[in-house]
Amino acid sequence: ACLWKVTLPAIVPTVLAGVRVAGVIACVIVFLAEMIASTDGLGHMLTVAARAYRTLDMFVPLVWICAVGLALNTFIGFVQRKLDHSG
């Protein structure tokens, strides 16, 4: 009973802060891996456009990458706020 009512609610903010940071870092790693070793994806699109000096074509994957990171960060922040206020 103590685990469910005291310990878990106490660690939720710390765990979710770690998940928030790790989620954004994981997003960056995925796009970097796509830039280096993939033949598909936003990272690959960005690399192809950069190698061809098509700066306007670079903005589409950049905007999408930023939108994905922002959405992930916003979603985890929303979950954090909901769980912090539910106690």
PDB file of N, CA and C in Angstrom:
ATOM      1  N   ALA A   1       0.833  -1.191   0.000  1.00  0.00           N
ATOM      2  CA  ALA A   1       0.000   0.000   0.000  1.00  0.00           C
ATOM      3  C   ALA A   1       0.872   1.247   0.000  1.00  0.00           C
ATOM      4  N   CYS A   2       1.945   1.217   0.730  1.00  0.00           N
ATOM      5  CA  CYS A   2       2.855   2.362   0.805  1.00  0.00           C
ATOM      6  C   CYS A   2       3.495   2.636  -0.557  1.00  0.00           C
ATOM      7  N   LEU A   3       3.785   1.576  -1.285  1.00  0.00           N
ATOM      8  CA  LEU A   3       4.400   1.729  -2.612  1.00  0.00           C
ATOM      9  C   LEU A   3       3.484   2.516  -3.548  1.00  0.00           C
ATOM     10  N   TRP A   4       2.194   2.191  -3.571  1.00  0.00           N
ATOM     11  CA  TRP A   4       1.260   2.809  -4.503  1.00  0.00           C
ATOM     12  C   TRP A   4       0.847   4.210  -4.085  1.00  0.00           C
ATOM     13  N   LYS A   5       0.823   4.488  -2.784  1.00  0.00           N
ATOM     14  CA  LYS A   5       0.306   5.772  -2.316  1.00  0.00           C
ATOM     15  C   LYS A   5       1.388   6.790  -1.979  1.00  0.00           C
ATOM     16  N   VAL A   6       2.617   6.329  -1.735  1.00  0.00           N
ATOM     17  CA  VAL A   6       3.666   7.265  -1.334  1.00  0.00           C
ATOM     18  C   VAL A   6       4.846   7.241  -2.312  1.00  0.00           C
ATOM     19  N   THR A   7       5.424   6.077  -2.510  1.00  0.00           N
ATOM     20  CA  THR A   7       6.660   5.988  -3.277  1.00  0.00           C
ATOM     21  C   THR A   7       6.463   6.324  -4.754  1.00  0.00           C
ATOM     22  N   LEU A   8       5.528   5.659  -5.426  1.00  0.00           N
ATOM     23  CA  LEU A   8       5.322   5.914  -6.852  1.00  0.00           C
ATOM     24  C   LEU A   8       4.894   7.350  -7.158  1.00  0.00           C
ATOM     25  N   PRO A   9       3.927   7.921  -6.433  1.00  0.00           N
ATOM     26  CA  PRO A   9       3.605   9.329  -6.705  1.00  0.00           C
ATOM     27  C   PRO A   9       4.784  10.272  -6.455  1.00  0.00           C
ATOM     28  N   ALA A  10       5.664   9.910  -5.544  1.00  0.00           N
ATOM     29  CA  ALA A  10       6.810  10.769  -5.246  1.00  0.00           C
ATOM     30  C   ALA A  10       7.858  10.747  -6.352  1.00  0.00           C
ATOM     31  N   ILE A  11       7.988   9.626  -7.064  1.00  0.00           N
ATOM     32  CA  ILE A  11       9.018   9.544  -8.101  1.00  0.00           C
ATOM     33  C   ILE A  11       8.521   9.931  -9.491  1.00  0.00           C
ATOM     34  N   VAL A  12       7.214  10.119  -9.658  1.00  0.00           N
ATOM     35  CA  VAL A  12       6.664  10.440 -10.982  1.00  0.00           C
ATOM     36  C   VAL A  12       7.296  11.691 -11.602  1.00  0.00           C
ATOM     37  N   PRO A  13       7.430  12.813 -10.903  1.00  0.00           N
ATOM     38  CA  PRO A  13       8.025  13.995 -11.553  1.00  0.00           C
ATOM     39  C   PRO A  13       9.460  13.758 -12.025  1.00  0.00           C
ATOM     40  N   THR A  14      10.244  13.056 -11.247  1.00  0.00           N
ATOM     41  CA  THR A  14      11.628  12.787 -11.618  1.00  0.00           C
ATOM     42  C   THR A  14      11.712  11.847 -12.809  1.00  0.00           C
ATOM     43  N   VAL A  15      10.901  10.818 -12.805  1.00  0.00           N
ATOM     44  CA  VAL A  15      10.899   9.859 -13.917  1.00  0.00           C
ATOM     45  C   VAL A  15      10.445  10.544 -15.202  1.00  0.00           C
ATOM     46  N   LEU A  16       9.392  11.341 -15.133  1.00  0.00           N
ATOM     47  CA  LEU A  16       8.907  12.006 -16.334  1.00  0.00           C
ATOM     48  C   LEU A  16       9.878  13.073 -16.842  1.00  0.00           C
ATOM     49  N   ALA A  17      10.611  13.719 -15.955  1.00  0.00           N
ATOM     50  CA  ALA A  17      11.644  14.660 -16.399  1.00  0.00           C
ATOM     51  C   ALA A  17      12.722  13.914 -17.173  1.00  0.00           C
ATOM     52  N   GLY A  18      13.089  12.739 -16.698  1.00  0.00           N
ATOM     53  CA  GLY A  18      14.062  11.912 -17.415  1.00  0.00           C
ATOM     54  C   GLY A  18      13.533  11.427 -18.751  1.00  0.00           C
ATOM     55  N   VAL A  19      12.266  11.048 -18.784  1.00  0.00           N
ATOM     56  CA  VAL A  19      11.638  10.599 -20.038  1.00  0.00           C
ATOM     57  C   VAL A  19      11.590  11.752 -21.039  1.00  0.00           C
ATOM     58  N   ARG A  20      11.310  12.946 -20.559  1.00  0.00           N
ATOM     59  CA  ARG A  20      11.252  14.126 -21.439  1.00  0.00           C
ATOM     60  C   ARG A  20      12.602  14.391 -22.088  1.00  0.00           C
ATOM     61  N   VAL A  21      13.647  14.388 -21.305  1.00  0.00           N
ATOM     62  CA  VAL A  21      14.991  14.616 -21.838  1.00  0.00           C
ATOM     63  C   VAL A  21      15.408  13.472 -22.762  1.00  0.00           C
ATOM     64  N   ALA A  22      15.169  12.245 -22.337  1.00  0.00           N
ATOM     65  CA  ALA A  22      15.562  11.079 -23.135  1.00  0.00           C
ATOM     66  C   ALA A  22      14.783  11.013 -24.446  1.00  0.00           C
ATOM     67  N   GLY A  23      13.525  11.414 -24.446  1.00  0.00           N
ATOM     68  CA  GLY A  23      12.727  11.392 -25.666  1.00  0.00           C
ATOM     69  C   GLY A  23      13.258  12.344 -26.717  1.00  0.00           C
ATOM     70  N   VAL A  24      13.622  13.541 -26.300  1.00  0.00           N
ATOM     71  CA  VAL A  24      14.168  14.518 -27.241  1.00  0.00           C
ATOM     72  C   VAL A  24      15.532  14.057 -27.747  1.00  0.00           C
ATOM     73  N   ILE A  25      16.362  13.518 -26.872  1.00  0.00           N
ATOM     74  CA  ILE A  25      17.673  13.014 -27.295  1.00  0.00           C
ATOM     75  C   ILE A  25      17.499  11.838 -28.259  1.00  0.00           C
ATOM     76  N   ALA A  26      16.550  10.966 -27.994  1.00  0.00           N
ATOM     77  CA  ALA A  26      16.294   9.834 -28.894  1.00  0.00           C
ATOM     78  C   ALA A  26      15.854  10.321 -30.269  1.00  0.00           C
ATOM     79  N   CYS A  27      15.048  11.363 -30.302  1.00  0.00           N
ATOM     80  CA  CYS A  27      14.624  11.951 -31.571  1.00  0.00           C
ATOM     81  C   CYS A  27      15.829  12.454 -32.365  1.00  0.00           C
ATOM     82  N   VAL A  28      16.707  13.152 -31.712  1.00  0.00           N
ATOM     83  CA  VAL A  28      17.911  13.671 -32.367  1.00  0.00           C
ATOM     84  C   VAL A  28      18.767  12.527 -32.889  1.00  0.00           C
ATOM     85  N   ILE A  29      18.934  11.485 -32.106  1.00  0.00           N
ATOM     86  CA  ILE A  29      19.748  10.335 -32.513  1.00  0.00           C
ATOM     87  C   ILE A  29      19.147   9.647 -33.739  1.00  0.00           C
ATOM     88  N   VAL A  30      17.830   9.509 -33.762  1.00  0.00           N
ATOM     89  CA  VAL A  30      17.183   8.872 -34.915  1.00  0.00           C
ATOM     90  C   VAL A  30      17.435   9.677 -36.182  1.00  0.00           C
ATOM     91  N   PHE A  31      17.283  10.992 -36.097  1.00  0.00           N
ATOM     92  CA  PHE A  31      17.499  11.803 -37.296  1.00  0.00           C
ATOM     93  C   PHE A  31      18.967  11.805 -37.715  1.00  0.00           C
ATOM     94  N   LEU A  32      19.884  11.799 -36.763  1.00  0.00           N
ATOM     95  CA  LEU A  32      21.306  11.696 -37.108  1.00  0.00           C
ATOM     96  C   LEU A  32      21.616  10.362 -37.765  1.00  0.00           C
ATOM     97  N   ALA A  33      21.039   9.288 -37.256  1.00  0.00           N
ATOM     98  CA  ALA A  33      21.252   7.974 -37.863  1.00  0.00           C
ATOM     99  C   ALA A  33      20.684   7.942 -39.279  1.00  0.00           C
ATOM    100  N   GLU A  34      19.534   8.576 -39.490  1.00  0.00           N
ATOM    101  CA  GLU A  34      18.976   8.647 -40.838  1.00  0.00           C
ATOM    102  C   GLU A  34      19.880   9.435 -41.764  1.00  0.00           C
ATOM    103  N   MET A  35      20.503  10.482 -41.251  1.00  0.00           N
ATOM    104  CA  MET A  35      21.397  11.293 -42.071  1.00  0.00           C
ATOM    105  C   MET A  35      22.636  10.502 -42.479  1.00  0.00           C
ATOM    106  N   ILE A  36      23.091   9.628 -41.608  1.00  0.00           N
ATOM    107  CA  ILE A  36      24.345   8.914 -41.856  1.00  0.00           C
ATOM    108  C   ILE A  36      24.121   7.622 -42.630  1.00  0.00           C
ATOM    109  N   ALA A  37      23.152   6.824 -42.250  1.00  0.00           N
ATOM    110  CA  ALA A  37      23.106   5.448 -42.751  1.00  0.00           C
ATOM    111  C   ALA A  37      21.805   5.035 -43.420  1.00  0.00           C
ATOM    112  N   SER A  38      20.865   5.946 -43.598  1.00  0.00           N
ATOM    113  CA  SER A  38      19.576   5.530 -44.123  1.00  0.00           C
ATOM    114  C   SER A  38      19.415   5.935 -45.580  1.00  0.00           C
ATOM    115  N   THR A  39      18.473   5.294 -46.242  1.00  0.00           N
ATOM    116  CA  THR A  39      18.109   5.696 -47.594  1.00  0.00           C
ATOM    117  C   THR A  39      16.673   6.210 -47.623  1.00  0.00           C
ATOM    118  N   ASP A  40      16.128   6.496 -46.448  1.00  0.00           N
ATOM    119  CA  ASP A  40      14.762   6.970 -46.337  1.00  0.00           C
ATOM    120  C   ASP A  40      14.644   7.797 -45.061  1.00  0.00           C
ATOM    121  N   GLY A  41      13.645   8.640 -44.988  1.00  0.00           N
ATOM    122  CA  GLY A  41      13.387   9.391 -43.770  1.00  0.00           C
ATOM    123  C   GLY A  41      13.747  10.856 -43.891  1.00  0.00           C
ATOM    124  N   LEU A  42      13.407  11.615 -42.858  1.00  0.00           N
ATOM    125  CA  LEU A  42      13.640  13.053 -42.864  1.00  0.00           C
ATOM    126  C   LEU A  42      15.117  13.399 -42.839  1.00  0.00           C
ATOM    127  N   GLY A  43      15.889  12.646 -42.085  1.00  0.00           N
ATOM    128  CA  GLY A  43      17.324  12.890 -42.040  1.00  0.00           C
ATOM    129  C   GLY A  43      17.977  12.682 -43.394  1.00  0.00           C
ATOM    130  N   HIS A  44      17.544  11.646 -44.090  1.00  0.00           N
ATOM    131  CA  HIS A  44      18.079  11.379 -45.425  1.00  0.00           C
ATOM    132  C   HIS A  44      17.667  12.479 -46.402  1.00  0.00           C
ATOM    133  N   MET A  45      16.413  12.926 -46.321  1.00  0.00           N
ATOM    134  CA  MET A  45      15.955  14.027 -47.177  1.00  0.00           C
ATOM    135  C   MET A  45      16.788  15.282 -46.954  1.00  0.00           C
ATOM    136  N   LEU A  46      17.095  15.554 -45.697  1.00  0.00           N
ATOM    137  CA  LEU A  46      17.896  16.725 -45.355  1.00  0.00           C
ATOM    138  C   LEU A  46      19.299  16.606 -45.934  1.00  0.00           C
ATOM    139  N   THR A  47      19.899  15.442 -45.819  1.00  0.00           N
ATOM    140  CA  THR A  47      21.248  15.224 -46.334  1.00  0.00           C
ATOM    141  C   THR A  47      21.296  15.327 -47.856  1.00  0.00           C
ATOM    142  N   VAL A  48      20.318  14.736 -48.529  1.00  0.00           N
ATOM    143  CA  VAL A  48      20.271  14.790 -49.993  1.00  0.00           C
ATOM    144  C   VAL A  48      20.143  16.238 -50.470  1.00  0.00           C
ATOM    145  N   ALA A  49      19.270  17.001 -49.835  1.00  0.00           N
ATOM    146  CA  ALA A  49      19.097  18.404 -50.223  1.00  0.00           C
ATOM    147  C   ALA A  49      20.353  19.219 -49.932  1.00  0.00           C
ATOM    148  N   ALA A  50      21.011  18.938 -48.826  1.00  0.00           N
ATOM    149  CA  ALA A  50      22.228  19.677 -48.483  1.00  0.00           C
ATOM    150  C   ALA A  50      23.359  19.369 -49.465  1.00  0.00           C
ATOM    151  N   ARG A  51      23.492  18.117 -49.851  1.00  0.00           N
ATOM    152  CA  ARG A  51      24.553  17.746 -50.795  1.00  0.00           C
ATOM    153  C   ARG A  51      24.326  18.337 -52.179  1.00  0.00           C
ATOM    154  N   ALA A  52      23.068  18.584 -52.529  1.00  0.00           N
ATOM    155  CA  ALA A  52      22.745  19.173 -53.831  1.00  0.00           C
ATOM    156  C   ALA A  52      22.642  20.704 -53.747  1.00  0.00           C
ATOM    157  N   TYR A  53      22.965  21.282 -52.588  1.00  0.00           N
ATOM    158  CA  TYR A  53      22.904  22.725 -52.364  1.00  0.00           C
ATOM    159  C   TYR A  53      21.514  23.299 -52.636  1.00  0.00           C
ATOM    160  N   ARG A  54      20.483  22.531 -52.298  1.00  0.00           N
ATOM    161  CA  ARG A  54      19.103  22.992 -52.431  1.00  0.00           C
ATOM    162  C   ARG A  54      18.620  23.451 -51.060  1.00  0.00           C
ATOM    163  N   THR A  55      18.918  24.698 -50.746  1.00  0.00           N
ATOM    164  CA  THR A  55      18.622  25.193 -49.394  1.00  0.00           C
ATOM    165  C   THR A  55      17.119  25.258 -49.125  1.00  0.00           C
ATOM    166  N   LEU A  56      16.330  25.597 -50.125  1.00  0.00           N
ATOM    167  CA  LEU A  56      14.881  25.644 -49.895  1.00  0.00           C
ATOM    168  C   LEU A  56      14.328  24.258 -49.591  1.00  0.00           C
ATOM    169  N   ASP A  57      14.856  23.235 -50.255  1.00  0.00           N
ATOM    170  CA  ASP A  57      14.393  21.863 -49.999  1.00  0.00           C
ATOM    171  C   ASP A  57      14.840  21.347 -48.629  1.00  0.00           C
ATOM    172  N   MET A  58      15.808  22.007 -48.035  1.00  0.00           N
ATOM    173  CA  MET A  58      16.258  21.605 -46.696  1.00  0.00           C
ATOM    174  C   MET A  58      15.263  22.024 -45.619  1.00  0.00           C
ATOM    175  N   PHE A  59      14.452  23.030 -45.900  1.00  0.00           N
ATOM    176  CA  PHE A  59      13.551  23.544 -44.874  1.00  0.00           C
ATOM    177  C   PHE A  59      12.407  22.588 -44.545  1.00  0.00           C
ATOM    178  N   VAL A  60      11.943  21.818 -45.517  1.00  0.00           N
ATOM    179  CA  VAL A  60      10.827  20.897 -45.255  1.00  0.00           C
ATOM    180  C   VAL A  60      11.205  19.864 -44.189  1.00  0.00           C
ATOM    181  N   PRO A  61      12.307  19.104 -44.366  1.00  0.00           N
ATOM    182  CA  PRO A  61      12.650  18.164 -43.291  1.00  0.00           C
ATOM    183  C   PRO A  61      13.033  18.861 -41.990  1.00  0.00           C
ATOM    184  N   LEU A  62      13.651  20.033 -42.072  1.00  0.00           N
ATOM    185  CA  LEU A  62      14.001  20.748 -40.844  1.00  0.00           C
ATOM    186  C   LEU A  62      12.760  21.137 -40.051  1.00  0.00           C
ATOM    187  N   VAL A  63      11.749  21.638 -40.752  1.00  0.00           N
ATOM    188  CA  VAL A  63      10.517  22.032 -40.065  1.00  0.00           C
ATOM    189  C   VAL A  63       9.831  20.808 -39.466  1.00  0.00           C
ATOM    190  N   TRP A  64       9.818  19.696 -40.205  1.00  0.00           N
ATOM    191  CA  TRP A  64       9.194  18.475 -39.687  1.00  0.00           C
ATOM    192  C   TRP A  64       9.956  17.915 -38.491  1.00  0.00           C
ATOM    193  N   ILE A  65      11.267  17.954 -38.557  1.00  0.00           N
ATOM    194  CA  ILE A  65      12.075  17.477 -37.429  1.00  0.00           C
ATOM    195  C   ILE A  65      11.792  18.327 -36.196  1.00  0.00           C
ATOM    196  N   CYS A  66      11.741  19.629 -36.374  1.00  0.00           N
ATOM    197  CA  CYS A  66      11.433  20.520 -35.251  1.00  0.00           C
ATOM    198  C   CYS A  66      10.023  20.264 -34.712  1.00  0.00           C
ATOM    199  N   ALA A  67       9.069  20.051 -35.622  1.00  0.00           N
ATOM    200  CA  ALA A  67       7.687  19.807 -35.207  1.00  0.00           C
ATOM    201  C   ALA A  67       7.564  18.508 -34.421  1.00  0.00           C
ATOM    202  N   VAL A  68       8.263  17.463 -34.859  1.00  0.00           N
ATOM    203  CA  VAL A  68       8.227  16.179 -34.135  1.00  0.00           C
ATOM    204  C   VAL A  68       8.823  16.340 -32.733  1.00  0.00           C
ATOM    205  N   GLY A  69       9.973  16.999 -32.646  1.00  0.00           N
ATOM    206  CA  GLY A  69      10.599  17.221 -31.340  1.00  0.00           C
ATOM    207  C   GLY A  69       9.731  18.064 -30.419  1.00  0.00           C
ATOM    208  N   LEU A  70       9.139  19.116 -30.967  1.00  0.00           N
ATOM    209  CA  LEU A  70       8.267  19.981 -30.174  1.00  0.00           C
ATOM    210  C   LEU A  70       7.017  19.236 -29.720  1.00  0.00           C
ATOM    211  N   ALA A  71       6.431  18.442 -30.621  1.00  0.00           N
ATOM    212  CA  ALA A  71       5.235  17.671 -30.252  1.00  0.00           C
ATOM    213  C   ALA A  71       5.547  16.662 -29.151  1.00  0.00           C
ATOM    214  N   LEU A  72       6.675  15.981 -29.275  1.00  0.00           N
ATOM    215  CA  LEU A  72       7.070  15.016 -28.247  1.00  0.00           C
ATOM    216  C   LEU A  72       7.282  15.705 -26.907  1.00  0.00           C
ATOM    217  N   ASN A  73       7.992  16.814 -26.923  1.00  0.00           N
ATOM    218  CA  ASN A  73       8.262  17.556 -25.694  1.00  0.00           C
ATOM    219  C   ASN A  73       6.965  18.096 -25.085  1.00  0.00           C
ATOM    220  N   THR A  74       6.063  18.602 -25.908  1.00  0.00           N
ATOM    221  CA  THR A  74       4.786  19.122 -25.429  1.00  0.00           C
ATOM    222  C   THR A  74       3.921  18.019 -24.844  1.00  0.00           C
ATOM    223  N   PHE A  75       3.884  16.870 -25.522  1.00  0.00           N
ATOM    224  CA  PHE A  75       3.080  15.747 -25.028  1.00  0.00           C
ATOM    225  C   PHE A  75       3.583  15.264 -23.666  1.00  0.00           C
ATOM    226  N   ILE A  76       4.880  15.108 -23.521  1.00  0.00           N
ATOM    227  CA  ILE A  76       5.422  14.636 -22.242  1.00  0.00           C
ATOM    228  C   ILE A  76       5.203  15.695 -21.160  1.00  0.00           C
ATOM    229  N   GLY A  77       5.320  16.977 -21.516  1.00  0.00           N
ATOM    230  CA  GLY A  77       5.020  18.045 -20.562  1.00  0.00           C
ATOM    231  C   GLY A  77       3.567  18.025 -20.119  1.00  0.00           C
ATOM    232  N   PHE A  78       2.658  17.734 -21.061  1.00  0.00           N
ATOM    233  CA  PHE A  78       1.231  17.615 -20.742  1.00  0.00           C
ATOM    234  C   PHE A  78       0.990  16.463 -19.772  1.00  0.00           C
ATOM    235  N   VAL A  79       1.609  15.326 -20.043  1.00  0.00           N
ATOM    236  CA  VAL A  79       1.478  14.160 -19.152  1.00  0.00           C
ATOM    237  C   VAL A  79       2.044  14.494 -17.778  1.00  0.00           C
ATOM    238  N   GLN A  80       3.170  15.217 -17.747  1.00  0.00           N
ATOM    239  CA  GLN A  80       3.772  15.625 -16.475  1.00  0.00           C
ATOM    240  C   GLN A  80       2.800  16.479 -15.670  1.00  0.00           C
ATOM    241  N   ARG A  81       2.216  17.464 -16.322  1.00  0.00           N
ATOM    242  CA  ARG A  81       1.275  18.356 -15.609  1.00  0.00           C
ATOM    243  C   ARG A  81       0.054  17.607 -15.113  1.00  0.00           C
ATOM    244  N   LYS A  82      -0.477  16.703 -15.940  1.00  0.00           N
ATOM    245  CA  LYS A  82      -1.650  15.918 -15.531  1.00  0.00           C
ATOM    246  C   LYS A  82      -1.350  15.041 -14.325  1.00  0.00           C
ATOM    247  N   LEU A  83      -0.197  14.372 -14.328  1.00  0.00           N
ATOM    248  CA  LEU A  83       0.140  13.490 -13.226  1.00  0.00           C
ATOM    249  C   LEU A  83       0.560  14.264 -11.970  1.00  0.00           C
ATOM    250  N   ASP A  84       1.135  15.446 -12.124  1.00  0.00           N
ATOM    251  CA  ASP A  84       1.502  16.254 -10.967  1.00  0.00           C
ATOM    252  C   ASP A  84       0.265  16.780 -10.251  1.00  0.00           C
ATOM    253  N   HIS A  85      -0.795  17.105 -10.997  1.00  0.00           N
ATOM    254  CA  HIS A  85      -1.995  17.658 -10.400  1.00  0.00           C
ATOM    255  C   HIS A  85      -2.974  16.593  -9.923  1.00  0.00           C
ATOM    256  N   SER A  86      -2.706  15.345 -10.278  1.00  0.00           N
ATOM    257  CA  SER A  86      -3.653  14.302  -9.887  1.00  0.00           C
ATOM    258  C   SER A  86      -3.414  13.805  -8.460  1.00  0.00           C
ATOM    259  N   GLY A  87      -2.362  14.268  -7.821  1.00  0.00           N
ATOM    260  CA  GLY A  87      -2.058  13.806  -6.472  1.00  0.00           C
ATOM    261  C   GLY A  87      -2.827  14.565  -5.494  1.00  0.00           C
TER     262      GLY A  87
END
